[in-house]
């Protein structure tokens, strides 16, 4: 197609237009009248609708329905890079009421670098020379009030039951967890201790600038290698019900054994003696636990979830994210504003009289310890007779940490300054 425009001065401008795609609309009358192709095409193109970019009207049998433009995706042309996609999304009242306490809607621009509010006219201004529309997304007005749009959870509890390992040489003596029974399936609000370990697939690429500063060209790529979930209550408290090693076909450049406990061969189905499974299988288990409403307890969980590709979010939409009220992160529970974060190893020594992470990290040990720390947090924060009691506990923690340079004493005779009770059920395994 060609677009021809005539100026007031009399000059005519002709430019090529993008290809347009129409859905053919065939007559639905039963008179038997024959229509030629030109008539069908005209009927399909010249629809009876409002041409404004805002609401569009579609006539139906029982009345008029109004559609609102909610999002546009445009292709930004760039001959050097091939261009990029930019989205304009109209964010509704629910978000602004929660974040800003106001009831209004606002258009936002989303690209590779930023999210920023824009004027509504910018979302629908197109220029075929550099800003080509790709998607216009309309939503029927009052759709939510007319239909039940709640997403049903398609994942069943059976994903948590026993499953076969991918490892060919796994022996029963290497089993490190006991799968859940049907009578102990988690319920909403139940505690689950969680810890994850990672390996490096690609090292960080950086360059040294002329002024001596380092510039990261490509960040390192981490991949989840082990995910452990332990029971947070009941007679089997502290016993793992998930301890999955994630099989990978990618080339691992660093197993980070000192920090992850993962050794070469642990993720190889041919020689691994661990309970090896696929990432999808483990994702389904985590997704079921999130949707059922359990509360995850761990140390540094927000970072773990980010690498696992599950984002912690303040809200109720659970399809892609982990609601913040379901995450109990001990790294923040024992933290004072504008102070350093404290390691799980130091907290375990100070509050629980435990020495963990001796030679390497172990996700089962870390998940159990986080559960114990959360119990200790509840004890200290609720049993205080004055509002500042827990603050004093944290103040003493930081003072002790600075004196010891945040290092746990190595000699065996050294004991913790705190004699916290240890859960016998957690240590029984």
Protein backbone atom coordinates (compact mmCIF):
# COMPACT_ATOMS: atom_id res chain seq x y z
CA UNK A 1 0.00 0.00 0.00
CA UNK A 2 1.00 3.62 -0.48
CA UNK A 3 0.06 6.58 1.63
CA UNK A 4 -0.61 9.74 -0.40
CA UNK A 5 -0.97 13.09 1.33
CA UNK A 6 -1.69 16.44 -0.35
CA UNK A 7 -0.28 19.60 1.21
CA UNK A 8 -2.06 22.96 1.17
CA UNK A 9 0.65 24.22 -1.13
CA UNK A 10 -0.39 21.63 -3.69
CA UNK A 11 2.58 19.26 -3.40
CA UNK A 12 1.84 15.56 -3.01
CA UNK A 13 3.85 13.19 -0.82
CA UNK A 14 3.80 9.45 -1.46
CA UNK A 15 5.38 6.94 0.93
CA UNK A 16 5.24 3.20 1.32
CA UNK A 17 3.10 1.96 4.16
CA UNK A 18 3.44 -1.17 6.23
CA UNK A 19 1.54 -4.27 5.20
CA UNK A 20 -1.91 -4.42 6.74
CA UNK A 21 -3.58 -7.66 7.80
CA UNK A 22 -7.37 -7.98 7.94
CA UNK A 23 -9.56 -10.83 9.06
CA UNK A 24 -12.16 -11.47 6.36
CA UNK A 25 -15.67 -10.92 7.70
CA UNK A 26 -18.15 -13.04 5.75
CA UNK A 27 -21.89 -12.15 5.64
CA UNK A 28 -23.94 -14.11 8.13
CA UNK A 29 -27.35 -13.61 6.51
CA UNK A 30 -29.32 -16.59 5.26
CA UNK A 31 -30.79 -15.03 2.15
CA UNK A 32 -28.47 -16.96 -0.11
CA UNK A 33 -27.24 -13.79 -1.80
CA UNK A 34 -23.86 -14.13 -3.50
CA UNK A 35 -21.11 -11.67 -2.59
CA UNK A 36 -18.05 -11.14 -4.76
CA UNK A 37 -14.57 -10.85 -3.25
CA UNK A 38 -14.52 -7.04 -3.51
CA UNK A 39 -17.67 -6.79 -1.42
CA UNK A 40 -16.31 -9.19 1.23
CA UNK A 41 -13.04 -7.27 1.37
CA UNK A 42 -14.81 -3.94 1.69
CA UNK A 43 -17.01 -5.33 4.46
CA UNK A 44 -13.91 -6.58 6.30
CA UNK A 45 -11.95 -3.32 6.04
CA UNK A 46 -14.73 -0.77 6.51
CA UNK A 47 -16.01 -1.94 9.86
CA UNK A 48 -18.58 0.10 11.76
CA UNK A 49 -16.47 1.22 14.70
CA UNK A 50 -15.10 4.26 16.43
CA UNK A 51 -11.73 5.28 14.97
CA UNK A 52 -10.40 6.93 18.14
CA UNK A 53 -7.37 5.31 19.75
CA UNK A 54 -9.08 5.25 23.14
CA UNK A 55 -12.26 3.17 23.40
CA UNK A 56 -13.30 1.14 20.37
CA UNK A 57 -16.87 -0.05 20.00
CA UNK A 58 -17.94 -3.45 18.74
CA UNK A 59 -21.61 -3.94 18.06
CA UNK A 60 -23.00 -7.24 19.21
CA UNK A 61 -26.40 -8.77 19.11
CA UNK A 62 -27.59 -7.49 22.51
CA UNK A 63 -26.05 -4.04 22.64
CA UNK A 64 -22.85 -1.99 22.48
CA UNK A 65 -19.66 -3.09 24.26
CA UNK A 66 -16.80 -0.69 24.94
CA UNK A 67 -13.15 -1.72 24.64
CA UNK A 68 -10.31 0.28 26.19
CA UNK A 69 -6.80 0.39 24.83
CA UNK A 70 -4.59 -1.02 27.61
CA UNK A 71 -1.19 -1.60 25.97
CA UNK A 72 0.79 -0.95 22.81
CA UNK A 73 4.02 -2.53 21.64
CA UNK A 74 6.05 -0.64 19.06
CA UNK A 75 9.13 -1.52 17.05
CA UNK A 76 11.78 1.20 17.30
CA UNK A 77 13.69 1.07 14.02
CA UNK A 78 17.49 1.26 14.14
CA UNK A 79 19.58 0.21 11.15
CA UNK A 80 22.67 -0.27 13.32
CA UNK A 81 21.24 -2.72 15.85
CA UNK A 82 18.13 -4.01 14.11
CA UNK A 83 15.86 -2.09 16.43
CA UNK A 84 14.11 -2.97 19.66
CA UNK A 85 10.63 -3.40 21.12
CA UNK A 86 9.15 -0.89 23.55
CA UNK A 87 5.90 -1.39 25.47
CA UNK A 88 3.42 1.21 26.73
CA UNK A 89 1.12 -0.21 29.41
CA UNK A 90 -1.82 1.42 31.13
CA UNK A 91 -1.48 0.47 34.81
CA UNK A 92 -4.76 0.37 36.71
CA UNK A 93 -6.05 1.79 39.95
CA UNK A 94 -5.21 -1.22 42.12
CA UNK A 95 -1.45 -0.66 41.84
CA UNK A 96 -1.60 3.10 42.45
CA UNK A 97 -3.97 2.69 45.39
CA UNK A 98 -1.53 0.28 47.04
CA UNK A 99 1.69 2.16 46.26
CA UNK A 100 0.62 5.82 46.26
CA UNK A 101 -2.78 5.88 47.95
CA UNK A 102 -4.49 7.44 44.92
CA UNK A 103 -7.19 6.14 42.59
CA UNK A 104 -6.13 6.79 39.03
CA UNK A 105 -4.69 5.05 35.98
CA UNK A 106 -1.36 5.93 34.39
CA UNK A 107 0.50 4.97 31.22
CA UNK A 108 4.05 3.67 31.68
CA UNK A 109 6.85 3.05 29.21
CA UNK A 110 8.80 -0.20 29.52
CA UNK A 111 12.08 -0.78 27.67
CA UNK A 112 15.41 -2.49 28.29
CA UNK A 113 16.64 0.20 30.66
CA UNK A 114 13.82 1.89 32.53
CA UNK A 115 10.18 2.14 33.50
CA UNK A 116 8.76 5.64 33.57
CA UNK A 117 5.33 7.32 33.47
CA UNK A 118 4.33 8.92 30.16
CA UNK A 119 1.48 10.99 28.78
CA UNK A 120 -1.38 8.96 27.30
CA UNK A 121 -0.87 10.55 23.88
CA UNK A 122 2.71 9.25 23.66
CA UNK A 123 1.44 5.68 23.84
CA UNK A 124 -0.57 6.09 20.62
CA UNK A 125 1.68 8.34 18.57
CA UNK A 126 3.29 6.37 15.75
CA UNK A 127 5.70 7.30 12.99
CA UNK A 128 6.34 4.69 10.32
CA UNK A 129 9.85 6.07 9.79
CA UNK A 130 11.05 5.01 13.24
CA UNK A 131 8.17 3.92 15.53
CA UNK A 132 6.09 1.16 13.98
CA UNK A 133 3.10 -0.28 15.92
CA UNK A 134 3.33 -4.03 16.42
CA UNK A 135 0.59 -4.85 18.96
CA UNK A 136 -2.49 -2.92 20.12
CA UNK A 137 -4.04 -4.64 23.14
CA UNK A 138 -7.69 -3.90 23.96
CA UNK A 139 -9.69 -5.11 26.97
CA UNK A 140 -13.45 -5.15 27.25
CA UNK A 141 -14.56 -2.63 29.84
CA UNK A 142 -15.90 -4.09 33.13
CA UNK A 143 -14.60 -7.50 32.11
CA UNK A 144 -13.42 -8.33 35.64
CA UNK A 145 -16.81 -7.65 37.17
CA UNK A 146 -18.67 -9.81 34.63
CA UNK A 147 -16.46 -12.88 34.60
CA UNK A 148 -14.46 -14.90 37.11
CA UNK A 149 -10.88 -14.42 35.95
CA UNK A 150 -9.18 -16.16 38.87
CA UNK A 151 -6.45 -18.47 37.64
CA UNK A 152 -6.96 -22.01 38.84
CA UNK A 153 -3.88 -23.80 40.02
CA UNK A 154 -3.24 -26.63 37.56
CA UNK A 155 -0.46 -28.16 39.70
CA UNK A 156 -1.55 -31.05 41.88
CA UNK A 157 -0.10 -32.18 45.22
CA UNK A 158 1.24 -35.31 43.56
CA UNK A 159 4.32 -33.34 42.44
CA UNK A 160 5.58 -33.54 46.05
CA UNK A 161 5.30 -37.30 46.26
CA UNK A 162 8.19 -39.68 45.61
CA UNK A 163 9.76 -39.53 42.15
CA UNK A 164 12.49 -41.50 40.39
CA UNK A 165 15.96 -40.02 40.16
CA UNK A 166 17.64 -39.38 36.82
CA UNK A 167 20.93 -40.62 38.24
CA UNK A 168 21.71 -44.13 37.02
CA UNK A 169 23.97 -45.08 39.91
CA UNK A 170 21.97 -43.68 42.81
CA UNK A 171 21.92 -45.94 45.86
CA UNK A 172 19.39 -45.84 48.67
CA UNK A 173 22.12 -44.98 51.18
CA UNK A 174 22.51 -41.60 49.48
CA UNK A 175 18.88 -40.58 50.01
CA UNK A 176 18.92 -37.34 51.98
CA UNK A 177 15.18 -36.64 52.25
CA UNK A 178 11.85 -38.27 52.99
CA UNK A 179 9.02 -37.35 50.58
CA UNK A 180 5.79 -36.03 52.03
CA UNK A 181 2.94 -38.41 52.75
CA UNK A 182 -0.57 -37.53 51.68
CA UNK A 183 -1.57 -36.90 55.31
CA UNK A 184 1.15 -34.27 55.83
CA UNK A 185 0.66 -32.11 52.76
CA UNK A 186 1.44 -28.45 53.55
CA UNK A 187 -1.41 -26.05 54.26
CA UNK A 188 -1.69 -22.29 54.01
CA UNK A 189 0.59 -20.60 56.55
CA UNK A 190 2.78 -23.69 57.19
CA UNK A 191 6.51 -23.05 57.56
CA UNK A 192 8.96 -24.52 55.03
CA UNK A 193 12.71 -24.12 55.44
CA UNK A 194 14.31 -23.38 52.07
CA UNK A 195 17.88 -23.13 50.83
CA UNK A 196 19.42 -23.24 47.36
CA UNK A 197 22.94 -23.72 46.03
CA UNK A 198 24.28 -22.47 42.71
CA UNK A 199 27.06 -23.06 40.19
CA UNK A 200 28.61 -20.72 37.63
CA UNK A 201 27.98 -21.35 33.93
CA UNK A 202 29.79 -18.32 32.53
CA UNK A 203 32.42 -16.17 34.21
CA UNK A 204 32.08 -12.43 34.41
CA UNK A 205 33.64 -10.48 31.54
CA UNK A 206 35.11 -7.13 32.51
CA UNK A 207 37.58 -4.57 31.25
CA UNK A 208 39.83 -2.06 32.98
CA UNK A 209 39.19 1.53 31.96
CA UNK A 210 41.89 4.13 31.48
CA UNK A 211 40.99 5.79 34.78
CA UNK A 212 41.61 2.53 36.67
CA UNK A 213 37.96 1.58 37.23
CA UNK A 214 36.52 -1.77 36.21
CA UNK A 215 33.64 -1.99 33.77
CA UNK A 216 31.53 -5.14 33.57
CA UNK A 217 30.90 -6.12 29.98
CA UNK A 218 28.94 -9.28 30.71
CA UNK A 219 27.89 -10.40 34.22
CA UNK A 220 28.48 -13.95 35.39
CA UNK A 221 25.67 -16.42 34.78
CA UNK A 222 24.57 -18.47 37.76
CA UNK A 223 22.44 -21.60 37.61
CA UNK A 224 20.55 -23.32 40.41
CA UNK A 225 22.16 -26.69 41.22
CA UNK A 226 20.42 -27.82 44.41
CA UNK A 227 17.16 -26.91 46.14
CA UNK A 228 16.24 -28.16 49.60
CA UNK A 229 12.95 -27.80 51.49
CA UNK A 230 12.56 -29.04 55.07
CA UNK A 231 9.44 -29.46 57.18
CA UNK A 232 8.81 -26.48 59.44
CA UNK A 233 6.44 -28.05 61.95
CA UNK A 234 5.01 -31.35 63.13
CA UNK A 235 6.70 -34.50 64.47
CA UNK A 236 9.10 -34.56 61.51
CA UNK A 237 10.15 -30.92 61.83
CA UNK A 238 13.54 -30.28 60.27
CA UNK A 239 13.47 -33.39 58.04
CA UNK A 240 13.83 -32.53 54.32
CA UNK A 241 11.03 -33.45 51.92
CA UNK A 242 12.79 -32.00 48.86
CA UNK A 243 16.51 -32.26 48.19
CA UNK A 244 16.82 -32.00 44.42
CA UNK A 245 20.05 -31.77 42.48
CA UNK A 246 19.28 -30.12 39.15
CA UNK A 247 20.59 -31.93 36.09
CA UNK A 248 22.11 -29.59 33.52
CA UNK A 249 23.45 -29.99 30.00
CA UNK A 250 25.30 -26.68 30.20
CA UNK A 251 29.05 -26.51 30.69
CA UNK A 252 29.76 -25.64 34.34
CA UNK A 253 32.87 -23.48 34.64
CA UNK A 254 32.91 -23.31 38.46
CA UNK A 255 31.07 -25.57 40.91
CA UNK A 256 31.81 -23.13 43.78
CA UNK A 257 32.28 -26.20 46.00
CA UNK A 258 33.54 -24.17 48.97
CA UNK A 259 30.26 -22.26 49.08
CA UNK A 260 27.76 -24.63 47.44
CA UNK A 261 28.96 -28.10 48.43
CA UNK A 262 28.38 -29.16 44.80
CA UNK A 263 31.16 -31.32 43.38
CA UNK A 264 32.01 -32.26 39.78
CA UNK A 265 29.84 -35.18 38.78
CA UNK A 266 26.96 -34.38 41.15
CA UNK A 267 24.89 -32.99 38.26
CA UNK A 268 25.85 -35.66 35.72
CA UNK A 269 23.19 -38.37 35.36
CA UNK A 270 25.81 -40.95 34.34
CA UNK A 271 27.89 -40.81 37.51
CA UNK A 272 25.91 -38.84 40.11
CA UNK A 273 24.88 -40.55 43.34
CA UNK A 274 22.45 -37.74 44.26
CA UNK A 275 18.72 -37.44 43.72
CA UNK A 276 18.93 -35.86 40.29
CA UNK A 277 15.92 -34.26 38.64
CA UNK A 278 15.01 -31.67 36.01
CA UNK A 279 14.63 -27.96 36.63
CA UNK A 280 11.00 -28.14 35.45
CA UNK A 281 10.19 -30.81 38.03
CA UNK A 282 11.60 -28.69 40.84
CA UNK A 283 9.87 -25.57 39.53
CA UNK A 284 6.53 -27.38 39.73
CA UNK A 285 7.17 -28.28 43.37
CA UNK A 286 8.07 -24.71 44.30
CA UNK A 287 5.14 -23.34 42.32
CA UNK A 288 2.74 -25.66 44.17
CA UNK A 289 4.14 -24.59 47.55
CA UNK A 290 3.86 -20.91 46.62
CA UNK A 291 0.29 -21.23 45.38
CA UNK A 292 -0.81 -23.26 48.40
CA UNK A 293 0.32 -20.35 50.61
CA UNK A 294 3.20 -21.75 52.69
CA UNK A 295 5.72 -19.39 54.32
CA UNK A 296 9.32 -19.92 53.29
CA UNK A 297 12.00 -19.48 55.95
CA UNK A 298 15.61 -19.06 54.90
CA UNK A 299 18.69 -16.85 54.93
CA UNK A 300 19.15 -14.60 51.91
CA UNK A 301 15.98 -15.91 50.29
CA UNK A 302 15.38 -12.88 48.09
CA UNK A 303 18.72 -13.45 46.36
CA UNK A 304 18.04 -17.18 46.06
CA UNK A 305 14.63 -16.60 44.51
CA UNK A 306 16.09 -14.08 42.07
CA UNK A 307 18.64 -16.57 40.72
CA UNK A 308 15.98 -19.31 40.65
CA UNK A 309 13.93 -16.83 38.57
CA UNK A 310 11.13 -16.30 41.11
CA UNK A 311 10.78 -12.67 42.15
CA UNK A 312 9.65 -11.64 45.64
CA UNK A 313 6.85 -9.12 45.23
CA UNK A 314 4.48 -7.13 47.43
CA UNK A 315 1.10 -8.13 46.05
CA UNK A 316 -1.40 -10.89 45.48
CA UNK A 317 -0.82 -11.93 41.85
CA UNK A 318 0.87 -15.31 42.22
CA UNK A 319 1.29 -16.53 38.67
CA UNK A 320 4.90 -15.42 38.28
CA UNK A 321 5.97 -14.07 41.64
CA UNK A 322 6.40 -14.94 45.30
CA UNK A 323 4.23 -12.72 47.56
CA UNK A 324 6.40 -10.91 50.10
CA UNK A 325 4.26 -12.02 53.05
CA UNK A 326 5.23 -15.63 52.25
CA UNK A 327 8.96 -14.96 52.69
CA UNK A 328 10.58 -14.92 56.16
CA UNK A 329 14.20 -13.98 55.52
CA UNK A 330 16.41 -14.23 58.61
CA UNK A 331 19.01 -11.96 57.03
CA UNK A 332 16.50 -9.12 57.49
CA UNK A 333 14.96 -10.31 60.77
CA UNK A 334 18.35 -9.90 62.50
CA UNK A 335 19.37 -6.67 60.80
CA UNK A 336 19.62 -3.09 61.99
CA UNK A 337 19.01 -0.25 59.51
CA UNK A 338 22.14 1.09 57.79
CA UNK A 339 24.21 -1.75 59.24
CA UNK A 340 25.86 -4.71 57.53
CA UNK A 341 24.04 -7.95 56.83
CA UNK A 342 25.11 -10.80 59.12
CA UNK A 343 26.02 -14.27 57.90
CA UNK A 344 24.01 -17.35 58.81
CA UNK A 345 27.13 -18.92 60.32
CA UNK A 346 27.67 -16.08 62.80
CA UNK A 347 23.99 -15.89 63.75
CA UNK A 348 23.90 -19.66 64.37
CA UNK A 349 26.95 -19.44 66.65
CA UNK A 350 25.71 -16.38 68.53
CA UNK A 351 22.09 -17.38 69.12
CA UNK A 352 21.99 -21.18 68.80
CA UNK A 353 25.42 -22.33 69.95
CA UNK A 354 25.84 -24.07 66.58
CA UNK A 355 28.89 -24.17 64.34
CA UNK A 356 27.82 -24.69 60.76
CA UNK A 357 29.42 -24.38 57.32
CA UNK A 358 32.71 -25.86 58.46
CA UNK A 359 34.41 -26.91 55.22
CA UNK A 360 31.54 -26.34 52.77
CA UNK A 361 27.95 -25.23 52.81
CA UNK A 362 25.15 -27.79 53.01
CA UNK A 363 21.65 -26.71 52.02
CA UNK A 364 19.94 -29.08 54.49
CA UNK A 365 21.98 -27.70 57.38
CA UNK A 366 21.38 -24.11 56.27
CA UNK A 367 17.61 -24.59 55.88
CA UNK A 368 17.32 -26.18 59.35
CA UNK A 369 19.41 -23.46 60.94
CA UNK A 370 17.25 -20.75 59.36
CA UNK A 371 14.17 -22.40 60.85
CA UNK A 372 15.78 -22.44 64.29
CA UNK A 373 16.77 -18.80 63.96
CA UNK A 374 13.21 -17.88 63.07
CA UNK A 375 11.96 -19.65 66.20
CA UNK A 376 14.59 -17.76 68.20
CA UNK A 377 13.47 -14.50 66.61
CA UNK A 378 9.87 -15.15 67.67
CA UNK A 379 11.06 -15.93 71.19
CA UNK A 380 13.17 -12.78 71.51
CA UNK A 381 10.73 -10.39 69.85
CA UNK A 382 7.61 -11.56 71.70
CA UNK A 383 8.97 -12.26 75.17
CA UNK A 384 10.44 -8.79 75.65
CA UNK A 385 8.77 -6.76 78.40
CA UNK A 386 9.60 -3.43 76.75
CA UNK A 387 9.46 -2.26 73.13
CA UNK A 388 13.20 -1.72 72.93
CA UNK A 389 14.13 -5.20 74.22
CA UNK A 390 14.70 -6.75 70.80
CA UNK A 391 16.60 -3.67 69.70
CA UNK A 392 18.94 -4.20 72.64
CA UNK A 393 19.45 -7.81 71.56
CA UNK A 394 20.42 -6.65 68.05
CA UNK A 395 22.68 -3.96 69.48
CA UNK A 396 24.52 -6.58 71.55
CA UNK A 397 24.79 -8.79 68.46
CA UNK A 398 26.46 -6.04 66.43
CA UNK A 399 28.80 -5.07 69.23
CA UNK A 400 29.95 -8.69 69.59
CA UNK A 401 30.31 -9.03 65.85
CA UNK A 402 32.54 -5.96 65.55
CA UNK A 403 34.75 -7.18 68.39
CA UNK A 404 35.22 -10.56 66.71
CA UNK A 405 35.48 -9.14 63.19
CA UNK A 406 32.36 -11.20 62.38
CA UNK A 407 34.32 -14.45 62.56
CA UNK A 408 33.21 -17.55 64.45
CA UNK A 409 35.94 -18.78 66.83
CA UNK A 410 37.69 -21.88 65.54
CA UNK A 411 38.93 -23.57 68.78
CA UNK A 412 36.62 -26.37 69.84
CA UNK A 413 36.55 -25.20 73.44
CA UNK A 414 35.05 -21.84 72.46
CA UNK A 415 31.34 -21.65 73.17
CA UNK A 416 28.63 -19.30 72.10
CA UNK A 417 27.64 -16.37 74.31
CA UNK A 418 24.08 -17.60 74.02
CA UNK A 419 22.80 -21.00 75.14
CA UNK A 420 19.74 -21.30 72.93
CA UNK A 421 17.69 -24.48 73.00
CA UNK A 422 18.14 -26.69 69.95
CA UNK A 423 15.19 -28.52 68.46
CA UNK A 424 15.76 -32.20 69.09
CA UNK A 425 13.52 -33.11 66.17
CA UNK A 426 15.65 -31.04 63.80
CA UNK A 427 18.88 -32.66 64.95
CA UNK A 428 17.45 -36.17 64.95
CA UNK A 429 18.04 -36.84 61.25
